[in-house]
Amino acid sequence: MTGKKVLIIDDESSIREMIAVALEMAGYEYMEAENSQQAHELIVDHRPDLILCDWMMPGGSGIELTRRLKKDSTTAEIPVILLTAKSEEDNKIQGLEVGADDYITKPFSPRELVARLKAVLRRATPQGVDEPIEIDGLILDPISQRVTIGNTPLDMGPTEYRLLKFLMTHQERAYSRAQLLDQVWGGNVYVEERTVDVHIRRLRKAIGTDHDSLIQTVRGTGYRFSAKRTA
């Protein structure tokens, strides 16, 4: 498995099934939505690594959804590939101008789709983000989604893992609880800010007393990940 999750948005179940089979064979996880409203709920709650979005759908077009996602700071960086039967140059330009990262014209082969998807993910993934991150002996491997100290694996829940990954890849910057909710929980408005404190405590416990000082409380703000010791 690649560890990457793709959201398929298309009102035709046969198209979704064809794409799902291709993604599964290529080692990707996937989710499905048949309209823009259902898709947006999945995006907010699960933050896919890439979105495959049909242009024409009932209840809201793929163009409208893409524009909405790109205007929202919490979803703007998620790559979007538009799928459409429209092949005219003006349509392609329109799709790219609202923020789509690529454009595939139907009909397309599963092989082409996966190749284009991989190319977009390479462009969208910051260099080194898939490489293991090591700080003071604490190692996070984004590919296997494991956290270890030396050769000892650490036991932590998926939310603690996502929280640690975000903090380790954004060191030395203080984040408020609201910012952490947006970045780690995906802007889910039903999660209270104090939930962050609960998961920070769980995360500190999971990484142990030798490393829990890496996650620093910033008074009046929130939290920061830093290897620099506070006074």
C-alpha atoms as a PDB file:
ATOM      1  CA  MET A   1       0.000   0.000   0.000  1.00  0.00           C
ATOM      2  CA  THR A   2       1.159   3.533  -0.754  1.00  0.00           C
ATOM      3  CA  GLY A   3      -0.532   4.981   2.329  1.00  0.00           C
ATOM      4  CA  LYS A   4      -2.236   7.567   0.085  1.00  0.00           C
ATOM      5  CA  LYS A   5      -6.001   7.974   0.163  1.00  0.00           C
ATOM      6  CA  VAL A   6      -7.943   9.080  -2.933  1.00  0.00           C
ATOM      7  CA  LEU A   7     -11.508  10.370  -3.030  1.00  0.00           C
ATOM      8  CA  ILE A   8     -13.488   9.374  -6.147  1.00  0.00           C
ATOM      9  CA  ILE A   9     -16.385  11.733  -6.936  1.00  0.00           C
ATOM     10  CA  ASP A  10     -18.678  10.666  -9.779  1.00  0.00           C
ATOM     11  CA  ASP A  11     -22.428  10.181 -10.031  1.00  0.00           C
ATOM     12  CA  GLU A  12     -21.977   7.074 -12.213  1.00  0.00           C
ATOM     13  CA  SER A  13     -21.372   3.998 -10.069  1.00  0.00           C
ATOM     14  CA  SER A  14     -19.740   2.123 -12.975  1.00  0.00           C
ATOM     15  CA  ILE A  15     -17.110   4.837 -13.355  1.00  0.00           C
ATOM     16  CA  ARG A  16     -16.419   4.846  -9.614  1.00  0.00           C
ATOM     17  CA  GLU A  17     -16.067   1.071  -9.624  1.00  0.00           C
ATOM     18  CA  MET A  18     -13.631   1.104 -12.556  1.00  0.00           C
ATOM     19  CA  ILE A  19     -11.483   3.759 -10.864  1.00  0.00           C
ATOM     20  CA  ALA A  20     -11.663   1.980  -7.499  1.00  0.00           C
ATOM     21  CA  VAL A  21     -10.357  -1.262  -9.016  1.00  0.00           C
ATOM     22  CA  ALA A  22      -7.463   0.594 -10.687  1.00  0.00           C
ATOM     23  CA  LEU A  23      -6.559   2.388  -7.451  1.00  0.00           C
ATOM     24  CA  GLU A  24      -6.729  -0.784  -5.390  1.00  0.00           C
ATOM     25  CA  MET A  25      -4.458  -2.618  -7.826  1.00  0.00           C
ATOM     26  CA  ALA A  26      -1.986   0.283  -7.631  1.00  0.00           C
ATOM     27  CA  GLY A  27      -1.966   0.145  -3.833  1.00  0.00           C
ATOM     28  CA  TYR A  28      -4.054   3.206  -3.025  1.00  0.00           C
ATOM     29  CA  GLU A  29      -6.813   3.494  -0.455  1.00  0.00           C
ATOM     30  CA  TYR A  30      -9.994   5.119  -1.733  1.00  0.00           C
ATOM     31  CA  MET A  31     -13.317   6.603  -0.731  1.00  0.00           C
ATOM     32  CA  GLU A  32     -16.350   7.236  -2.931  1.00  0.00           C
ATOM     33  CA  ALA A  33     -18.928  10.009  -3.245  1.00  0.00           C
ATOM     34  CA  GLU A  34     -21.715  10.418  -5.776  1.00  0.00           C
ATOM     35  CA  ASN A  35     -22.301  14.167  -5.419  1.00  0.00           C
ATOM     36  CA  SER A  36     -20.601  17.363  -4.254  1.00  0.00           C
ATOM     37  CA  GLN A  37     -22.323  17.544  -0.869  1.00  0.00           C
ATOM     38  CA  GLN A  38     -21.382  14.009   0.114  1.00  0.00           C
ATOM     39  CA  ALA A  39     -17.860  14.616  -1.207  1.00  0.00           C
ATOM     40  CA  HIS A  40     -17.353  17.779   0.823  1.00  0.00           C
ATOM     41  CA  GLU A  41     -18.352  15.995   4.040  1.00  0.00           C
ATOM     42  CA  LEU A  42     -15.806  13.241   3.346  1.00  0.00           C
ATOM     43  CA  ILE A  43     -13.104  15.799   2.525  1.00  0.00           C
ATOM     44  CA  VAL A  44     -13.656  17.719   5.755  1.00  0.00           C
ATOM     45  CA  ASP A  45     -13.769  14.602   7.920  1.00  0.00           C
ATOM     46  CA  HIS A  46     -11.097  12.437   6.264  1.00  0.00           C
ATOM     47  CA  ARG A  47      -8.769  14.781   4.303  1.00  0.00           C
ATOM     48  CA  PRO A  48      -7.850  12.616   1.292  1.00  0.00           C
ATOM     49  CA  ASP A  49      -4.421  12.996  -0.298  1.00  0.00           C
ATOM     50  CA  LEU A  50      -5.968  13.535  -3.736  1.00  0.00           C
ATOM     51  CA  ILE A  51      -9.412  14.074  -5.247  1.00  0.00           C
ATOM     52  CA  LEU A  52     -10.656  12.650  -8.572  1.00  0.00           C
ATOM     53  CA  CYS A  53     -13.697  14.748  -9.404  1.00  0.00           C
ATOM     54  CA  ASP A  54     -16.214  14.479 -12.239  1.00  0.00           C
ATOM     55  CA  TRP A  55     -16.994  17.792 -13.947  1.00  0.00           C
ATOM     56  CA  MET A  56     -20.726  17.277 -14.436  1.00  0.00           C
ATOM     57  CA  MET A  57     -22.732  16.085 -11.437  1.00  0.00           C
ATOM     58  CA  PRO A  58     -26.249  16.710 -10.179  1.00  0.00           C
ATOM     59  CA  GLY A  59     -26.477  19.114  -7.257  1.00  0.00           C
ATOM     60  CA  GLY A  60     -23.208  20.936  -7.958  1.00  0.00           C
ATOM     61  CA  SER A  61     -20.496  20.652 -10.587  1.00  0.00           C
ATOM     62  CA  GLY A  62     -16.926  19.533 -10.076  1.00  0.00           C
ATOM     63  CA  ILE A  63     -15.790  23.026 -11.088  1.00  0.00           C
ATOM     64  CA  GLU A  64     -17.854  24.579  -8.293  1.00  0.00           C
ATOM     65  CA  LEU A  65     -16.545  22.086  -5.735  1.00  0.00           C
ATOM     66  CA  THR A  66     -12.943  22.635  -6.847  1.00  0.00           C
ATOM     67  CA  ARG A  67     -13.329  26.397  -6.590  1.00  0.00           C
ATOM     68  CA  ARG A  68     -14.769  26.023  -3.080  1.00  0.00           C
ATOM     69  CA  LEU A  69     -11.951  23.751  -1.936  1.00  0.00           C
ATOM     70  CA  LYS A  70      -9.207  25.977  -3.313  1.00  0.00           C
ATOM     71  CA  LYS A  71     -10.627  29.062  -1.579  1.00  0.00           C
ATOM     72  CA  ASP A  72     -10.611  27.312   1.804  1.00  0.00           C
ATOM     73  CA  SER A  73      -7.179  27.361   3.465  1.00  0.00           C
ATOM     74  CA  THR A  74      -7.836  23.997   5.157  1.00  0.00           C
ATOM     75  CA  THR A  75      -8.412  22.191   1.836  1.00  0.00           C
ATOM     76  CA  ALA A  76      -6.572  24.377  -0.697  1.00  0.00           C
ATOM     77  CA  GLU A  77      -3.492  22.143  -0.821  1.00  0.00           C
ATOM     78  CA  ILE A  78      -5.377  18.923  -1.614  1.00  0.00           C
ATOM     79  CA  PRO A  79      -4.681  18.131  -5.311  1.00  0.00           C
ATOM     80  CA  VAL A  80      -7.721  17.835  -7.598  1.00  0.00           C
ATOM     81  CA  ILE A  81      -7.897  16.020 -10.934  1.00  0.00           C
ATOM     82  CA  LEU A  82     -11.026  16.792 -12.961  1.00  0.00           C
ATOM     83  CA  LEU A  83     -12.619  13.990 -14.992  1.00  0.00           C
ATOM     84  CA  THR A  84     -14.791  15.069 -17.898  1.00  0.00           C
ATOM     85  CA  ALA A  85     -16.096  14.315 -21.356  1.00  0.00           C
ATOM     86  CA  LYS A  86     -15.401  17.954 -22.314  1.00  0.00           C
ATOM     87  CA  SER A  87     -12.293  18.081 -24.474  1.00  0.00           C
ATOM     88  CA  GLU A  88     -12.385  21.673 -25.742  1.00  0.00           C
ATOM     89  CA  GLU A  89      -9.384  23.831 -24.848  1.00  0.00           C
ATOM     90  CA  ASP A  90     -11.576  26.475 -23.173  1.00  0.00           C
ATOM     91  CA  ASN A  91     -12.973  23.861 -20.794  1.00  0.00           C
ATOM     92  CA  LYS A  92      -9.492  22.681 -19.873  1.00  0.00           C
ATOM     93  CA  ILE A  93      -8.396  26.237 -19.191  1.00  0.00           C
ATOM     94  CA  GLN A  94     -11.476  26.867 -17.074  1.00  0.00           C
ATOM     95  CA  GLY A  95     -10.733  23.807 -14.967  1.00  0.00           C
ATOM     96  CA  LEU A  96      -7.115  24.780 -14.418  1.00  0.00           C
ATOM     97  CA  GLU A  97      -7.972  28.393 -13.664  1.00  0.00           C
ATOM     98  CA  VAL A  98     -10.207  27.460 -10.712  1.00  0.00           C
ATOM     99  CA  GLY A  99      -7.304  25.503  -9.230  1.00  0.00           C
ATOM    100  CA  ALA A 100      -7.518  21.956 -10.602  1.00  0.00           C
ATOM    101  CA  ASP A 101      -4.106  20.287 -10.753  1.00  0.00           C
ATOM    102  CA  ASP A 102      -4.820  18.177 -13.830  1.00  0.00           C
ATOM    103  CA  TYR A 103      -7.545  17.299 -16.291  1.00  0.00           C
ATOM    104  CA  ILE A 104      -8.363  13.896 -17.788  1.00  0.00           C
ATOM    105  CA  THR A 105     -10.806  13.528 -20.665  1.00  0.00           C
ATOM    106  CA  LYS A 106     -13.185  10.572 -20.759  1.00  0.00           C
ATOM    107  CA  PRO A 107     -12.851   7.872 -21.870  1.00  0.00           C
ATOM    108  CA  PHE A 108      -9.491   7.163 -20.246  1.00  0.00           C
ATOM    109  CA  SER A 109      -7.613   3.975 -19.425  1.00  0.00           C
ATOM    110  CA  PRO A 110      -6.997   2.950 -15.819  1.00  0.00           C
ATOM    111  CA  ARG A 111      -3.279   2.905 -16.605  1.00  0.00           C
ATOM    112  CA  GLU A 112      -3.337   6.529 -17.777  1.00  0.00           C
ATOM    113  CA  LEU A 113      -5.375   7.567 -14.744  1.00  0.00           C
ATOM    114  CA  VAL A 114      -2.936   6.016 -12.270  1.00  0.00           C
ATOM    115  CA  ALA A 115       0.065   7.496 -14.095  1.00  0.00           C
ATOM    116  CA  ARG A 116      -1.444  10.998 -14.027  1.00  0.00           C
ATOM    117  CA  LEU A 117      -2.443  10.557 -10.395  1.00  0.00           C
ATOM    118  CA  LYS A 118       1.111   9.588  -9.424  1.00  0.00           C
ATOM    119  CA  ALA A 119       2.503  12.600 -11.282  1.00  0.00           C
ATOM    120  CA  VAL A 120       0.161  15.005  -9.487  1.00  0.00           C
ATOM    121  CA  LEU A 121       0.970  13.470  -6.099  1.00  0.00           C
ATOM    122  CA  ARG A 122       4.707  13.832  -6.786  1.00  0.00           C
ATOM    123  CA  ARG A 123       4.252  17.518  -7.587  1.00  0.00           C
ATOM    124  CA  ALA A 124       2.007  18.079  -4.589  1.00  0.00           C
ATOM    125  CA  THR A 125       4.182  16.248  -2.055  1.00  0.00           C
ATOM    126  CA  PRO A 126       6.933  18.402  -0.557  1.00  0.00           C
ATOM    127  CA  GLN A 127      10.371  16.901  -1.061  1.00  0.00           C
ATOM    128  CA  GLY A 128      11.299  14.539   1.736  1.00  0.00           C
ATOM    129  CA  VAL A 129       7.809  14.281   3.235  1.00  0.00           C
ATOM    130  CA  ASP A 130       7.744  10.536   2.517  1.00  0.00           C
ATOM    131  CA  GLU A 131      11.166  10.039   4.066  1.00  0.00           C
ATOM    132  CA  PRO A 132      11.419   8.967   7.712  1.00  0.00           C
ATOM    133  CA  ILE A 133      11.687  11.913  10.099  1.00  0.00           C
ATOM    134  CA  GLU A 134      14.068  11.528  13.053  1.00  0.00           C
ATOM    135  CA  ILE A 135      14.371  13.952  15.938  1.00  0.00           C
ATOM    136  CA  ASP A 136      16.373  13.050  19.053  1.00  0.00           C
ATOM    137  CA  GLY A 137      15.914   9.332  18.311  1.00  0.00           C
ATOM    138  CA  LEU A 138      12.147   9.633  17.757  1.00  0.00           C
ATOM    139  CA  ILE A 139      11.462   8.276  14.253  1.00  0.00           C
ATOM    140  CA  LEU A 140       8.243   8.693  12.269  1.00  0.00           C
ATOM    141  CA  ASP A 141       7.976   6.756   8.993  1.00  0.00           C
ATOM    142  CA  PRO A 142       5.180   8.219   6.789  1.00  0.00           C
ATOM    143  CA  ILE A 143       5.237   5.231   4.423  1.00  0.00           C
ATOM    144  CA  SER A 144       4.629   2.506   7.025  1.00  0.00           C
ATOM    145  CA  GLN A 145       2.898   4.965   9.396  1.00  0.00           C
ATOM    146  CA  ARG A 146       4.970   3.681  12.282  1.00  0.00           C
ATOM    147  CA  VAL A 147       6.627   5.608  15.086  1.00  0.00           C
ATOM    148  CA  THR A 148       9.660   4.121  16.828  1.00  0.00           C
ATOM    149  CA  ILE A 149      12.363   5.014  19.313  1.00  0.00           C
ATOM    150  CA  GLY A 150      15.410   3.091  18.222  1.00  0.00           C
ATOM    151  CA  ASN A 151      14.001  -0.308  17.294  1.00  0.00           C
ATOM    152  CA  THR A 152      11.085  -0.085  19.709  1.00  0.00           C
ATOM    153  CA  PRO A 153       7.684   0.621  18.101  1.00  0.00           C
ATOM    154  CA  LEU A 154       5.371   3.009  19.916  1.00  0.00           C
ATOM    155  CA  ASP A 155       1.698   2.318  20.413  1.00  0.00           C
ATOM    156  CA  MET A 156      -0.534   5.279  19.543  1.00  0.00           C
ATOM    157  CA  GLY A 157      -3.915   5.884  17.977  1.00  0.00           C
ATOM    158  CA  PRO A 158      -4.448   7.266  14.454  1.00  0.00           C
ATOM    159  CA  THR A 159      -5.274  10.760  15.730  1.00  0.00           C
ATOM    160  CA  GLU A 160      -2.119  10.893  17.855  1.00  0.00           C
ATOM    161  CA  TYR A 161      -0.131   9.719  14.825  1.00  0.00           C
ATOM    162  CA  ARG A 162      -1.559  12.464  12.585  1.00  0.00           C
ATOM    163  CA  LEU A 163      -0.957  15.035  15.286  1.00  0.00           C
ATOM    164  CA  LEU A 164       2.652  13.933  15.741  1.00  0.00           C
ATOM    165  CA  LYS A 165       3.265  13.880  11.990  1.00  0.00           C
ATOM    166  CA  PHE A 166       1.952  17.419  11.597  1.00  0.00           C
ATOM    167  CA  LEU A 167       4.009  18.715  14.514  1.00  0.00           C
ATOM    168  CA  MET A 168       7.213  16.962  13.402  1.00  0.00           C
ATOM    169  CA  THR A 169       6.891  18.346   9.877  1.00  0.00           C
ATOM    170  CA  HIS A 170       6.157  21.862  11.160  1.00  0.00           C
ATOM    171  CA  GLN A 171       8.776  22.320  13.857  1.00  0.00           C
ATOM    172  CA  GLU A 172       9.475  25.488  15.825  1.00  0.00           C
ATOM    173  CA  ARG A 173       6.144  27.123  15.025  1.00  0.00           C
ATOM    174  CA  ALA A 174       3.486  27.630  17.685  1.00  0.00           C
ATOM    175  CA  TYR A 175      -0.007  26.505  16.668  1.00  0.00           C
ATOM    176  CA  SER A 176      -3.254  27.377  18.378  1.00  0.00           C
ATOM    177  CA  ARG A 177      -5.742  24.653  19.230  1.00  0.00           C
ATOM    178  CA  ALA A 178      -8.037  25.916  16.463  1.00  0.00           C
ATOM    179  CA  GLN A 179      -5.203  25.671  13.915  1.00  0.00           C
ATOM    180  CA  LEU A 180      -4.384  22.136  15.015  1.00  0.00           C
ATOM    181  CA  LEU A 181      -8.045  21.169  14.695  1.00  0.00           C
ATOM    182  CA  ASP A 182      -8.092  22.477  11.125  1.00  0.00           C
ATOM    183  CA  GLN A 183      -4.839  20.791  10.130  1.00  0.00           C
ATOM    184  CA  VAL A 184      -5.157  17.450  11.932  1.00  0.00           C
ATOM    185  CA  TRP A 185      -8.901  16.899  12.299  1.00  0.00           C
ATOM    186  CA  GLY A 186      -9.731  18.518   8.951  1.00  0.00           C
ATOM    187  CA  GLY A 187     -11.774  21.459  10.139  1.00  0.00           C
ATOM    188  CA  ASN A 188     -14.450  19.295  11.745  1.00  0.00           C
ATOM    189  CA  VAL A 189     -16.574  21.912  13.547  1.00  0.00           C
ATOM    190  CA  TYR A 190     -18.039  19.293  15.885  1.00  0.00           C
ATOM    191  CA  VAL A 191     -14.725  18.784  17.666  1.00  0.00           C
ATOM    192  CA  GLU A 192     -14.122  21.094  20.626  1.00  0.00           C
ATOM    193  CA  GLU A 193     -10.760  22.805  21.118  1.00  0.00           C
ATOM    194  CA  ARG A 194     -10.179  21.071  24.459  1.00  0.00           C
ATOM    195  CA  THR A 195     -10.081  17.789  22.503  1.00  0.00           C
ATOM    196  CA  VAL A 196      -6.628  18.885  21.336  1.00  0.00           C
ATOM    197  CA  ASP A 197      -5.402  18.947  24.941  1.00  0.00           C
ATOM    198  CA  VAL A 198      -6.658  15.392  25.482  1.00  0.00           C
ATOM    199  CA  HIS A 199      -4.781  14.077  22.436  1.00  0.00           C
ATOM    200  CA  ILE A 200      -1.635  16.033  23.296  1.00  0.00           C
ATOM    201  CA  ARG A 201      -1.614  14.321  26.693  1.00  0.00           C
ATOM    202  CA  ARG A 202      -2.095  10.930  25.033  1.00  0.00           C
ATOM    203  CA  LEU A 203       0.672  11.691  22.541  1.00  0.00           C
ATOM    204  CA  ARG A 204       3.110  12.757  25.261  1.00  0.00           C
ATOM    205  CA  LYS A 205       2.350   9.555  27.144  1.00  0.00           C
ATOM    206  CA  ALA A 206       2.869   7.467  23.981  1.00  0.00           C
ATOM    207  CA  ILE A 207       6.303   8.914  23.174  1.00  0.00           C
ATOM    208  CA  GLY A 208       7.468   8.605  26.798  1.00  0.00           C
ATOM    209  CA  THR A 209       9.182  10.796  29.334  1.00  0.00           C
ATOM    210  CA  ASP A 210      12.455  10.924  27.388  1.00  0.00           C
ATOM    211  CA  HIS A 211      10.756  12.676  24.467  1.00  0.00           C
ATOM    212  CA  ASP A 212       7.568  14.271  25.761  1.00  0.00           C
ATOM    213  CA  SER A 213       9.432  17.572  26.232  1.00  0.00           C
ATOM    214  CA  LEU A 214       9.602  17.852  22.421  1.00  0.00           C
ATOM    215  CA  ILE A 215       5.919  18.817  22.511  1.00  0.00           C
ATOM    216  CA  GLN A 216       5.946  22.149  24.273  1.00  0.00           C
ATOM    217  CA  THR A 217       3.013  24.100  25.655  1.00  0.00           C
ATOM    218  CA  VAL A 218       3.048  27.733  24.516  1.00  0.00           C
ATOM    219  CA  ARG A 219       1.195  29.814  27.063  1.00  0.00           C
ATOM    220  CA  GLY A 220      -1.636  31.852  25.604  1.00  0.00           C
ATOM    221  CA  THR A 221      -1.298  30.154  22.208  1.00  0.00           C
ATOM    222  CA  GLY A 222      -1.238  26.374  22.059  1.00  0.00           C
ATOM    223  CA  TYR A 223       1.568  23.955  21.251  1.00  0.00           C
ATOM    224  CA  ARG A 224       4.915  23.766  19.477  1.00  0.00           C
ATOM    225  CA  PHE A 225       7.208  20.906  18.498  1.00  0.00           C
ATOM    226  CA  SER A 226      10.839  21.759  19.193  1.00  0.00           C
ATOM    227  CA  ALA A 227      14.081  19.995  20.021  1.00  0.00           C
ATOM    228  CA  LYS A 228      15.260  23.188  21.688  1.00  0.00           C
ATOM    229  CA  ARG A 229      14.852  22.961  25.413  1.00  0.00           C
ATOM    230  CA  THR A 230      12.812  25.662  27.097  1.00  0.00           C
ATOM    231  CA  ALA A 231      14.202  27.451  30.122  1.00  0.00           C
END
